[in-house]
Amino acid sequence: MTANAFIAFQKNEESRAIVEAIVEDNPGAIVVEQPAMVKVDVPGRLVIRRATVEDKIGRSFDLQELQIHLITISGHLDETDDEFSLSWLS
């Protein structure tokens, strides 16, 4: 059984675009919306690609901006200028 990697954001307009990008790049993503936050679970590995976020948000985007909206993460973090990923190693 593979553990889920997850990320949770404050619920706002920019995080909505980020979540749309995550869903596009992670076909197995499960989005759980709550009144003040949105959580995304993905089996095994969750990836956020800068290019996809830029497409959804309509401007250039530095992945460090995720920190502004971030509530919590679960998984081993790997981050480059182009990709932010969370995963559970077997």
PDB file of N, CA and C in Angstrom:
ATOM      1  N   MET A   1       0.832  -1.188   0.000  1.00  0.00           N
ATOM      2  CA  MET A   1       0.000   0.000   0.000  1.00  0.00           C
ATOM      3  C   MET A   1       0.876   1.251   0.000  1.00  0.00           C
ATOM      4  N   THR A   2       0.552   2.192  -0.873  1.00  0.00           N
ATOM      5  CA  THR A   2       1.306   3.423  -0.988  1.00  0.00           C
ATOM      6  C   THR A   2       0.661   4.505  -0.135  1.00  0.00           C
ATOM      7  N   ALA A   3       1.481   5.195   0.639  1.00  0.00           N
ATOM      8  CA  ALA A   3       0.971   6.295   1.463  1.00  0.00           C
ATOM      9  C   ALA A   3       0.690   7.516   0.587  1.00  0.00           C
ATOM     10  N   ASN A   4      -0.255   8.327   1.015  1.00  0.00           N
ATOM     11  CA  ASN A   4      -0.560   9.566   0.301  1.00  0.00           C
ATOM     12  C   ASN A   4       0.401  10.668   0.726  1.00  0.00           C
ATOM     13  N   ALA A   5       0.879  11.404  -0.270  1.00  0.00           N
ATOM     14  CA  ALA A   5       1.552  12.669  -0.004  1.00  0.00           C
ATOM     15  C   ALA A   5       0.436  13.709  -0.050  1.00  0.00           C
ATOM     16  N   PHE A   6       0.520  14.742   0.788  1.00  0.00           N
ATOM     17  CA  PHE A   6      -0.517  15.765   0.703  1.00  0.00           C
ATOM     18  C   PHE A   6       0.034  17.145   0.995  1.00  0.00           C
ATOM     19  N   ILE A   7      -0.756  18.120   0.556  1.00  0.00           N
ATOM     20  CA  ILE A   7      -0.443  19.520   0.798  1.00  0.00           C
ATOM     21  C   ILE A   7      -1.757  20.231   1.079  1.00  0.00           C
ATOM     22  N   ALA A   8      -1.724  21.187   1.995  1.00  0.00           N
ATOM     23  CA  ALA A   8      -2.928  21.958   2.322  1.00  0.00           C
ATOM     24  C   ALA A   8      -2.596  23.444   2.245  1.00  0.00           C
ATOM     25  N   PHE A   9      -3.521  24.186   1.646  1.00  0.00           N
ATOM     26  CA  PHE A   9      -3.370  25.623   1.454  1.00  0.00           C
ATOM     27  C   PHE A   9      -4.514  26.380   2.107  1.00  0.00           C
ATOM     28  N   GLN A  10      -4.247  27.652   2.447  1.00  0.00           N
ATOM     29  CA  GLN A  10      -5.330  28.553   2.816  1.00  0.00           C
ATOM     30  C   GLN A  10      -6.237  28.670   1.596  1.00  0.00           C
ATOM     31  N   LYS A  11      -7.506  28.787   1.817  1.00  0.00           N
ATOM     32  CA  LYS A  11      -8.453  28.863   0.706  1.00  0.00           C
ATOM     33  C   LYS A  11      -8.548  30.314   0.235  1.00  0.00           C
ATOM     34  N   ASN A  12      -7.960  30.599  -0.927  1.00  0.00           N
ATOM     35  CA  ASN A  12      -8.028  31.930  -1.525  1.00  0.00           C
ATOM     36  C   ASN A  12      -7.886  31.803  -3.040  1.00  0.00           C
ATOM     37  N   GLU A  13      -7.962  32.903  -3.752  1.00  0.00           N
ATOM     38  CA  GLU A  13      -7.963  32.872  -5.216  1.00  0.00           C
ATOM     39  C   GLU A  13      -6.662  32.300  -5.792  1.00  0.00           C
ATOM     40  N   GLU A  14      -5.512  32.700  -5.256  1.00  0.00           N
ATOM     41  CA  GLU A  14      -4.247  32.182  -5.788  1.00  0.00           C
ATOM     42  C   GLU A  14      -4.090  30.700  -5.518  1.00  0.00           C
ATOM     43  N   SER A  15      -4.470  30.244  -4.326  1.00  0.00           N
ATOM     44  CA  SER A  15      -4.342  28.815  -4.039  1.00  0.00           C
ATOM     45  C   SER A  15      -5.298  27.997  -4.904  1.00  0.00           C
ATOM     46  N   ARG A  16      -6.431  28.572  -5.304  1.00  0.00           N
ATOM     47  CA  ARG A  16      -7.353  27.875  -6.218  1.00  0.00           C
ATOM     48  C   ARG A  16      -6.635  27.539  -7.527  1.00  0.00           C
ATOM     49  N   ALA A  17      -5.881  28.497  -8.069  1.00  0.00           N
ATOM     50  CA  ALA A  17      -5.131  28.264  -9.299  1.00  0.00           C
ATOM     51  C   ALA A  17      -4.030  27.218  -9.084  1.00  0.00           C
ATOM     52  N   ILE A  18      -3.378  27.252  -7.936  1.00  0.00           N
ATOM     53  CA  ILE A  18      -2.333  26.271  -7.622  1.00  0.00           C
ATOM     54  C   ILE A  18      -2.938  24.875  -7.547  1.00  0.00           C
ATOM     55  N   VAL A  19      -4.084  24.751  -6.902  1.00  0.00           N
ATOM     56  CA  VAL A  19      -4.754  23.449  -6.796  1.00  0.00           C
ATOM     57  C   VAL A  19      -5.169  22.955  -8.177  1.00  0.00           C
ATOM     58  N   GLU A  20      -5.667  23.841  -9.037  1.00  0.00           N
ATOM     59  CA  GLU A  20      -6.008  23.443 -10.407  1.00  0.00           C
ATOM     60  C   GLU A  20      -4.783  22.880 -11.126  1.00  0.00           C
ATOM     61  N   ALA A  21      -3.629  23.499 -10.924  1.00  0.00           N
ATOM     62  CA  ALA A  21      -2.389  23.017 -11.538  1.00  0.00           C
ATOM     63  C   ALA A  21      -1.998  21.646 -10.979  1.00  0.00           C
ATOM     64  N   ILE A  22      -2.141  21.467  -9.679  1.00  0.00           N
ATOM     65  CA  ILE A  22      -1.814  20.175  -9.062  1.00  0.00           C
ATOM     66  C   ILE A  22      -2.703  19.079  -9.638  1.00  0.00           C
ATOM     67  N   VAL A  23      -3.994  19.348  -9.748  1.00  0.00           N
ATOM     68  CA  VAL A  23      -4.929  18.348 -10.282  1.00  0.00           C
ATOM     69  C   VAL A  23      -4.575  17.998 -11.722  1.00  0.00           C
ATOM     70  N   GLU A  24      -4.205  18.995 -12.511  1.00  0.00           N
ATOM     71  CA  GLU A  24      -3.828  18.736 -13.905  1.00  0.00           C
ATOM     72  C   GLU A  24      -2.591  17.844 -13.992  1.00  0.00           C
ATOM     73  N   ASP A  25      -1.602  18.083 -13.133  1.00  0.00           N
ATOM     74  CA  ASP A  25      -0.337  17.339 -13.203  1.00  0.00           C
ATOM     75  C   ASP A  25      -0.336  16.041 -12.404  1.00  0.00           C
ATOM     76  N   ASN A  26      -1.369  15.784 -11.611  1.00  0.00           N
ATOM     77  CA  ASN A  26      -1.452  14.585 -10.770  1.00  0.00           C
ATOM     78  C   ASN A  26      -2.829  13.953 -10.954  1.00  0.00           C
ATOM     79  N   PRO A  27      -2.979  13.078 -11.953  1.00  0.00           N
ATOM     80  CA  PRO A  27      -4.292  12.509 -12.264  1.00  0.00           C
ATOM     81  C   PRO A  27      -4.988  11.816 -11.094  1.00  0.00           C
ATOM     82  N   GLY A  28      -4.259  11.289 -10.128  1.00  0.00           N
ATOM     83  CA  GLY A  28      -4.874  10.611  -8.989  1.00  0.00           C
ATOM     84  C   GLY A  28      -5.189  11.519  -7.818  1.00  0.00           C
ATOM     85  N   ALA A  29      -5.089  12.834  -8.020  1.00  0.00           N
ATOM     86  CA  ALA A  29      -5.281  13.795  -6.929  1.00  0.00           C
ATOM     87  C   ALA A  29      -6.713  13.790  -6.416  1.00  0.00           C
ATOM     88  N   ILE A  30      -6.837  13.882  -5.096  1.00  0.00           N
ATOM     89  CA  ILE A  30      -8.132  13.986  -4.430  1.00  0.00           C
ATOM     90  C   ILE A  30      -8.142  15.325  -3.692  1.00  0.00           C
ATOM     91  N   VAL A  31      -9.080  16.186  -4.061  1.00  0.00           N
ATOM     92  CA  VAL A  31      -9.181  17.520  -3.461  1.00  0.00           C
ATOM     93  C   VAL A  31     -10.274  17.509  -2.401  1.00  0.00           C
ATOM     94  N   VAL A  32      -9.919  17.974  -1.199  1.00  0.00           N
ATOM     95  CA  VAL A  32     -10.877  18.069  -0.096  1.00  0.00           C
ATOM     96  C   VAL A  32     -10.949  19.538   0.311  1.00  0.00           C
ATOM     97  N   GLU A  33     -12.110  20.157   0.041  1.00  0.00           N
ATOM     98  CA  GLU A  33     -12.296  21.565   0.392  1.00  0.00           C
ATOM     99  C   GLU A  33     -12.988  21.686   1.734  1.00  0.00           C
ATOM    100  N   GLN A  34     -12.450  22.554   2.563  1.00  0.00           N
ATOM    101  CA  GLN A  34     -13.034  22.867   3.862  1.00  0.00           C
ATOM    102  C   GLN A  34     -13.251  24.374   3.916  1.00  0.00           C
ATOM    103  N   PRO A  35     -13.936  24.885   4.923  1.00  0.00           N
ATOM    104  CA  PRO A  35     -14.240  26.320   4.939  1.00  0.00           C
ATOM    105  C   PRO A  35     -13.023  27.249   4.790  1.00  0.00           C
ATOM    106  N   ALA A  36     -11.908  26.948   5.439  1.00  0.00           N
ATOM    107  CA  ALA A  36     -10.769  27.863   5.402  1.00  0.00           C
ATOM    108  C   ALA A  36      -9.541  27.292   4.703  1.00  0.00           C
ATOM    109  N   MET A  37      -9.633  26.049   4.225  1.00  0.00           N
ATOM    110  CA  MET A  37      -8.467  25.449   3.576  1.00  0.00           C
ATOM    111  C   MET A  37      -8.895  24.458   2.510  1.00  0.00           C
ATOM    112  N   VAL A  38      -7.920  24.125   1.668  1.00  0.00           N
ATOM    113  CA  VAL A  38      -8.116  23.087   0.666  1.00  0.00           C
ATOM    114  C   VAL A  38      -6.913  22.145   0.749  1.00  0.00           C
ATOM    115  N   LYS A  39      -7.193  20.848   0.821  1.00  0.00           N
ATOM    116  CA  LYS A  39      -6.152  19.822   0.963  1.00  0.00           C
ATOM    117  C   LYS A  39      -6.161  18.966  -0.286  1.00  0.00           C
ATOM    118  N   VAL A  40      -4.974  18.617  -0.766  1.00  0.00           N
ATOM    119  CA  VAL A  40      -4.852  17.749  -1.933  1.00  0.00           C
ATOM    120  C   VAL A  40      -4.030  16.528  -1.534  1.00  0.00           C
ATOM    121  N   ASP A  41      -4.624  15.345  -1.698  1.00  0.00           N
ATOM    122  CA  ASP A  41      -3.955  14.068  -1.441  1.00  0.00           C
ATOM    123  C   ASP A  41      -3.622  13.408  -2.769  1.00  0.00           C
ATOM    124  N   VAL A  42      -2.429  12.831  -2.858  1.00  0.00           N
ATOM    125  CA  VAL A  42      -2.033  12.087  -4.050  1.00  0.00           C
ATOM    126  C   VAL A  42      -1.302  10.829  -3.594  1.00  0.00           C
ATOM    127  N   PRO A  43      -1.715   9.660  -4.088  1.00  0.00           N
ATOM    128  CA  PRO A  43      -1.006   8.435  -3.719  1.00  0.00           C
ATOM    129  C   PRO A  43       0.451   8.475  -4.200  1.00  0.00           C
ATOM    130  N   GLY A  44       1.386   8.227  -3.285  1.00  0.00           N
ATOM    131  CA  GLY A  44       2.794   8.106  -3.647  1.00  0.00           C
ATOM    132  C   GLY A  44       3.553   9.395  -3.809  1.00  0.00           C
ATOM    133  N   ARG A  45       3.258  10.147  -4.875  1.00  0.00           N
ATOM    134  CA  ARG A  45       4.043  11.347  -5.190  1.00  0.00           C
ATOM    135  C   ARG A  45       3.132  12.458  -5.704  1.00  0.00           C
ATOM    136  N   LEU A  46       3.296  13.642  -5.144  1.00  0.00           N
ATOM    137  CA  LEU A  46       2.571  14.840  -5.554  1.00  0.00           C
ATOM    138  C   LEU A  46       3.584  15.808  -6.150  1.00  0.00           C
ATOM    139  N   VAL A  47       3.291  16.327  -7.328  1.00  0.00           N
ATOM    140  CA  VAL A  47       4.208  17.263  -7.975  1.00  0.00           C
ATOM    141  C   VAL A  47       3.481  18.555  -8.321  1.00  0.00           C
ATOM    142  N   ILE A  48       4.173  19.671  -8.099  1.00  0.00           N
ATOM    143  CA  ILE A  48       3.679  20.986  -8.508  1.00  0.00           C
ATOM    144  C   ILE A  48       4.708  21.542  -9.483  1.00  0.00           C
ATOM    145  N   ARG A  49       4.278  21.773 -10.714  1.00  0.00           N
ATOM    146  CA  ARG A  49       5.176  22.285 -11.752  1.00  0.00           C
ATOM    147  C   ARG A  49       4.949  23.783 -11.938  1.00  0.00           C
ATOM    148  N   ARG A  50       6.054  24.516 -11.907  1.00  0.00           N
ATOM    149  CA  ARG A  50       5.996  25.975 -12.062  1.00  0.00           C
ATOM    150  C   ARG A  50       5.254  26.365 -13.340  1.00  0.00           C
ATOM    151  N   ALA A  51       5.572  25.720 -14.455  1.00  0.00           N
ATOM    152  CA  ALA A  51       4.961  26.070 -15.735  1.00  0.00           C
ATOM    153  C   ALA A  51       3.440  25.894 -15.707  1.00  0.00           C
ATOM    154  N   THR A  52       2.958  24.848 -15.068  1.00  0.00           N
ATOM    155  CA  THR A  52       1.520  24.620 -14.997  1.00  0.00           C
ATOM    156  C   THR A  52       0.846  25.670 -14.120  1.00  0.00           C
ATOM    157  N   VAL A  53       1.481  26.018 -12.995  1.00  0.00           N
ATOM    158  CA  VAL A  53       0.926  27.063 -12.128  1.00  0.00           C
ATOM    159  C   VAL A  53       0.884  28.384 -12.883  1.00  0.00           C
ATOM    160  N   GLU A  54       1.955  28.712 -13.610  1.00  0.00           N
ATOM    161  CA  GLU A  54       1.979  29.955 -14.379  1.00  0.00           C
ATOM    162  C   GLU A  54       0.842  29.996 -15.400  1.00  0.00           C
ATOM    163  N   ASP A  55       0.576  28.864 -16.034  1.00  0.00           N
ATOM    164  CA  ASP A  55      -0.522  28.779 -17.004  1.00  0.00           C
ATOM    165  C   ASP A  55      -1.864  29.060 -16.327  1.00  0.00           C
ATOM    166  N   LYS A  56      -2.073  28.510 -15.135  1.00  0.00           N
ATOM    167  CA  LYS A  56      -3.345  28.669 -14.422  1.00  0.00           C
ATOM    168  C   LYS A  56      -3.504  30.045 -13.796  1.00  0.00           C
ATOM    169  N   ILE A  57      -2.387  30.615 -13.314  1.00  0.00           N
ATOM    170  CA  ILE A  57      -2.454  31.878 -12.584  1.00  0.00           C
ATOM    171  C   ILE A  57      -2.324  33.094 -13.520  1.00  0.00           C
ATOM    172  N   GLY A  58      -1.792  32.843 -14.729  1.00  0.00           N
ATOM    173  CA  GLY A  58      -1.695  33.901 -15.723  1.00  0.00           C
ATOM    174  C   GLY A  58      -0.563  34.885 -15.538  1.00  0.00           C
ATOM    175  N   ARG A  59       0.482  34.459 -14.857  1.00  0.00           N
ATOM    176  CA  ARG A  59       1.667  35.321 -14.654  1.00  0.00           C
ATOM    177  C   ARG A  59       2.855  34.439 -14.286  1.00  0.00           C
ATOM    178  N   SER A  60       4.060  35.048 -14.233  1.00  0.00           N
ATOM    179  CA  SER A  60       5.214  34.269 -13.781  1.00  0.00           C
ATOM    180  C   SER A  60       5.025  33.926 -12.303  1.00  0.00           C
ATOM    181  N   PHE A  61       5.574  32.789 -11.905  1.00  0.00           N
ATOM    182  CA  PHE A  61       5.361  32.289 -10.549  1.00  0.00           C
ATOM    183  C   PHE A  61       6.638  31.644 -10.047  1.00  0.00           C
ATOM    184  N   ASP A  62       7.088  32.084  -8.887  1.00  0.00           N
ATOM    185  CA  ASP A  62       8.236  31.481  -8.214  1.00  0.00           C
ATOM    186  C   ASP A  62       7.673  30.465  -7.231  1.00  0.00           C
ATOM    187  N   LEU A  63       8.126  29.218  -7.293  1.00  0.00           N
ATOM    188  CA  LEU A  63       7.583  28.191  -6.406  1.00  0.00           C
ATOM    189  C   LEU A  63       7.728  28.537  -4.928  1.00  0.00           C
ATOM    190  N   GLN A  64       8.617  29.440  -4.570  1.00  0.00           N
ATOM    191  CA  GLN A  64       8.737  29.885  -3.181  1.00  0.00           C
ATOM    192  C   GLN A  64       7.456  30.591  -2.721  1.00  0.00           C
ATOM    193  N   GLU A  65       6.665  31.094  -3.678  1.00  0.00           N
ATOM    194  CA  GLU A  65       5.401  31.748  -3.335  1.00  0.00           C
ATOM    195  C   GLU A  65       4.407  30.775  -2.714  1.00  0.00           C
ATOM    196  N   LEU A  66       4.619  29.474  -2.899  1.00  0.00           N
ATOM    197  CA  LEU A  66       3.742  28.491  -2.261  1.00  0.00           C
ATOM    198  C   LEU A  66       3.696  28.699  -0.751  1.00  0.00           C
ATOM    199  N   GLN A  67       4.819  29.129  -0.175  1.00  0.00           N
ATOM    200  CA  GLN A  67       4.926  29.291   1.270  1.00  0.00           C
ATOM    201  C   GLN A  67       3.914  30.292   1.824  1.00  0.00           C
ATOM    202  N   ILE A  68       3.516  31.259   1.017  1.00  0.00           N
ATOM    203  CA  ILE A  68       2.570  32.282   1.450  1.00  0.00           C
ATOM    204  C   ILE A  68       1.204  31.664   1.760  1.00  0.00           C
ATOM    205  N   HIS A  69       0.832  30.654   0.983  1.00  0.00           N
ATOM    206  CA  HIS A  69      -0.500  30.063   1.068  1.00  0.00           C
ATOM    207  C   HIS A  69      -0.519  28.719   1.795  1.00  0.00           C
ATOM    208  N   LEU A  70       0.639  28.189   2.087  1.00  0.00           N
ATOM    209  CA  LEU A  70       0.792  26.845   2.627  1.00  0.00           C
ATOM    210  C   LEU A  70       0.366  26.748   4.092  1.00  0.00           C
ATOM    211  N   ILE A  71      -0.375  25.677   4.422  1.00  0.00           N
ATOM    212  CA  ILE A  71      -0.702  25.371   5.817  1.00  0.00           C
ATOM    213  C   ILE A  71       0.161  24.216   6.298  1.00  0.00           C
ATOM    214  N   THR A  72       0.190  23.101   5.542  1.00  0.00           N
ATOM    215  CA  THR A  72       0.985  21.942   5.951  1.00  0.00           C
ATOM    216  C   THR A  72       1.263  21.041   4.759  1.00  0.00           C
ATOM    217  N   ILE A  73       2.274  20.183   4.912  1.00  0.00           N
ATOM    218  CA  ILE A  73       2.608  19.188   3.898  1.00  0.00           C
ATOM    219  C   ILE A  73       2.877  17.856   4.582  1.00  0.00           C
ATOM    220  N   SER A  74       2.793  16.798   3.795  1.00  0.00           N
ATOM    221  CA  SER A  74       3.145  15.469   4.287  1.00  0.00           C
ATOM    222  C   SER A  74       3.892  14.738   3.182  1.00  0.00           C
ATOM    223  N   GLY A  75       5.110  14.334   3.488  1.00  0.00           N
ATOM    224  CA  GLY A  75       5.942  13.629   2.514  1.00  0.00           C
ATOM    225  C   GLY A  75       7.341  14.196   2.519  1.00  0.00           C
ATOM    226  N   HIS A  76       8.224  13.523   1.802  1.00  0.00           N
ATOM    227  CA  HIS A  76       9.608  13.979   1.652  1.00  0.00           C
ATOM    228  C   HIS A  76       9.627  15.054   0.574  1.00  0.00           C
ATOM    229  N   LEU A  77      10.161  16.204   0.902  1.00  0.00           N
ATOM    230  CA  LEU A  77      10.171  17.359   0.010  1.00  0.00           C
ATOM    231  C   LEU A  77      11.399  17.362  -0.883  1.00  0.00           C
ATOM    232  N   ASP A  78      11.180  17.604  -2.175  1.00  0.00           N
ATOM    233  CA  ASP A  78      12.251  17.820  -3.140  1.00  0.00           C
ATOM    234  C   ASP A  78      11.842  19.039  -3.951  1.00  0.00           C
ATOM    235  N   GLU A  79      12.721  20.021  -4.032  1.00  0.00           N
ATOM    236  CA  GLU A  79      12.344  21.280  -4.666  1.00  0.00           C
ATOM    237  C   GLU A  79      13.449  21.787  -5.581  1.00  0.00           C
ATOM    238  N   THR A  80      13.044  22.188  -6.795  1.00  0.00           N
ATOM    239  CA  THR A  80      13.937  22.864  -7.731  1.00  0.00           C
ATOM    240  C   THR A  80      13.246  24.163  -8.143  1.00  0.00           C
ATOM    241  N   ASP A  81      13.858  24.914  -9.038  1.00  0.00           N
ATOM    242  CA  ASP A  81      13.213  26.138  -9.530  1.00  0.00           C
ATOM    243  C   ASP A  81      11.952  25.825 -10.330  1.00  0.00           C
ATOM    244  N   ASP A  82      11.874  24.622 -10.904  1.00  0.00           N
ATOM    245  CA  ASP A  82      10.762  24.272 -11.789  1.00  0.00           C
ATOM    246  C   ASP A  82       9.750  23.299 -11.206  1.00  0.00           C
ATOM    247  N   GLU A  83      10.094  22.645 -10.088  1.00  0.00           N
ATOM    248  CA  GLU A  83       9.217  21.597  -9.576  1.00  0.00           C
ATOM    249  C   GLU A  83       9.323  21.473  -8.057  1.00  0.00           C
ATOM    250  N   PHE A  84       8.180  21.299  -7.424  1.00  0.00           N
ATOM    251  CA  PHE A  84       8.077  21.070  -5.983  1.00  0.00           C
ATOM    252  C   PHE A  84       7.380  19.729  -5.855  1.00  0.00           C
ATOM    253  N   SER A  85       8.038  18.746  -5.200  1.00  0.00           N
ATOM    254  CA  SER A  85       7.389  17.446  -5.101  1.00  0.00           C
ATOM    255  C   SER A  85       7.448  16.911  -3.664  1.00  0.00           C
ATOM    256  N   LEU A  86       6.406  16.151  -3.335  1.00  0.00           N
ATOM    257  CA  LEU A  86       6.306  15.467  -2.060  1.00  0.00           C
ATOM    258  C   LEU A  86       6.115  13.998  -2.376  1.00  0.00           C
ATOM    259  N   SER A  87       6.839  13.130  -1.652  1.00  0.00           N
ATOM    260  CA  SER A  87       6.683  11.703  -1.916  1.00  0.00           C
ATOM    261  C   SER A  87       6.988  10.903  -0.663  1.00  0.00           C
ATOM    262  N   TRP A  88       6.507   9.675  -0.688  1.00  0.00           N
ATOM    263  CA  TRP A  88       6.836   8.709   0.361  1.00  0.00           C
ATOM    264  C   TRP A  88       7.683   7.638  -0.289  1.00  0.00           C
ATOM    265  N   LEU A  89       8.882   7.440   0.256  1.00  0.00           N
ATOM    266  CA  LEU A  89       9.790   6.424  -0.269  1.00  0.00           C
ATOM    267  C   LEU A  89       9.392   5.069   0.271  1.00  0.00           C
ATOM    268  N   SER A  90       9.477   4.043  -0.577  1.00  0.00           N
ATOM    269  CA  SER A  90       9.121   2.706  -0.085  1.00  0.00           C
ATOM    270  C   SER A  90      10.281   2.060   0.625  1.00  0.00           C
TER     271      SER A  90
END
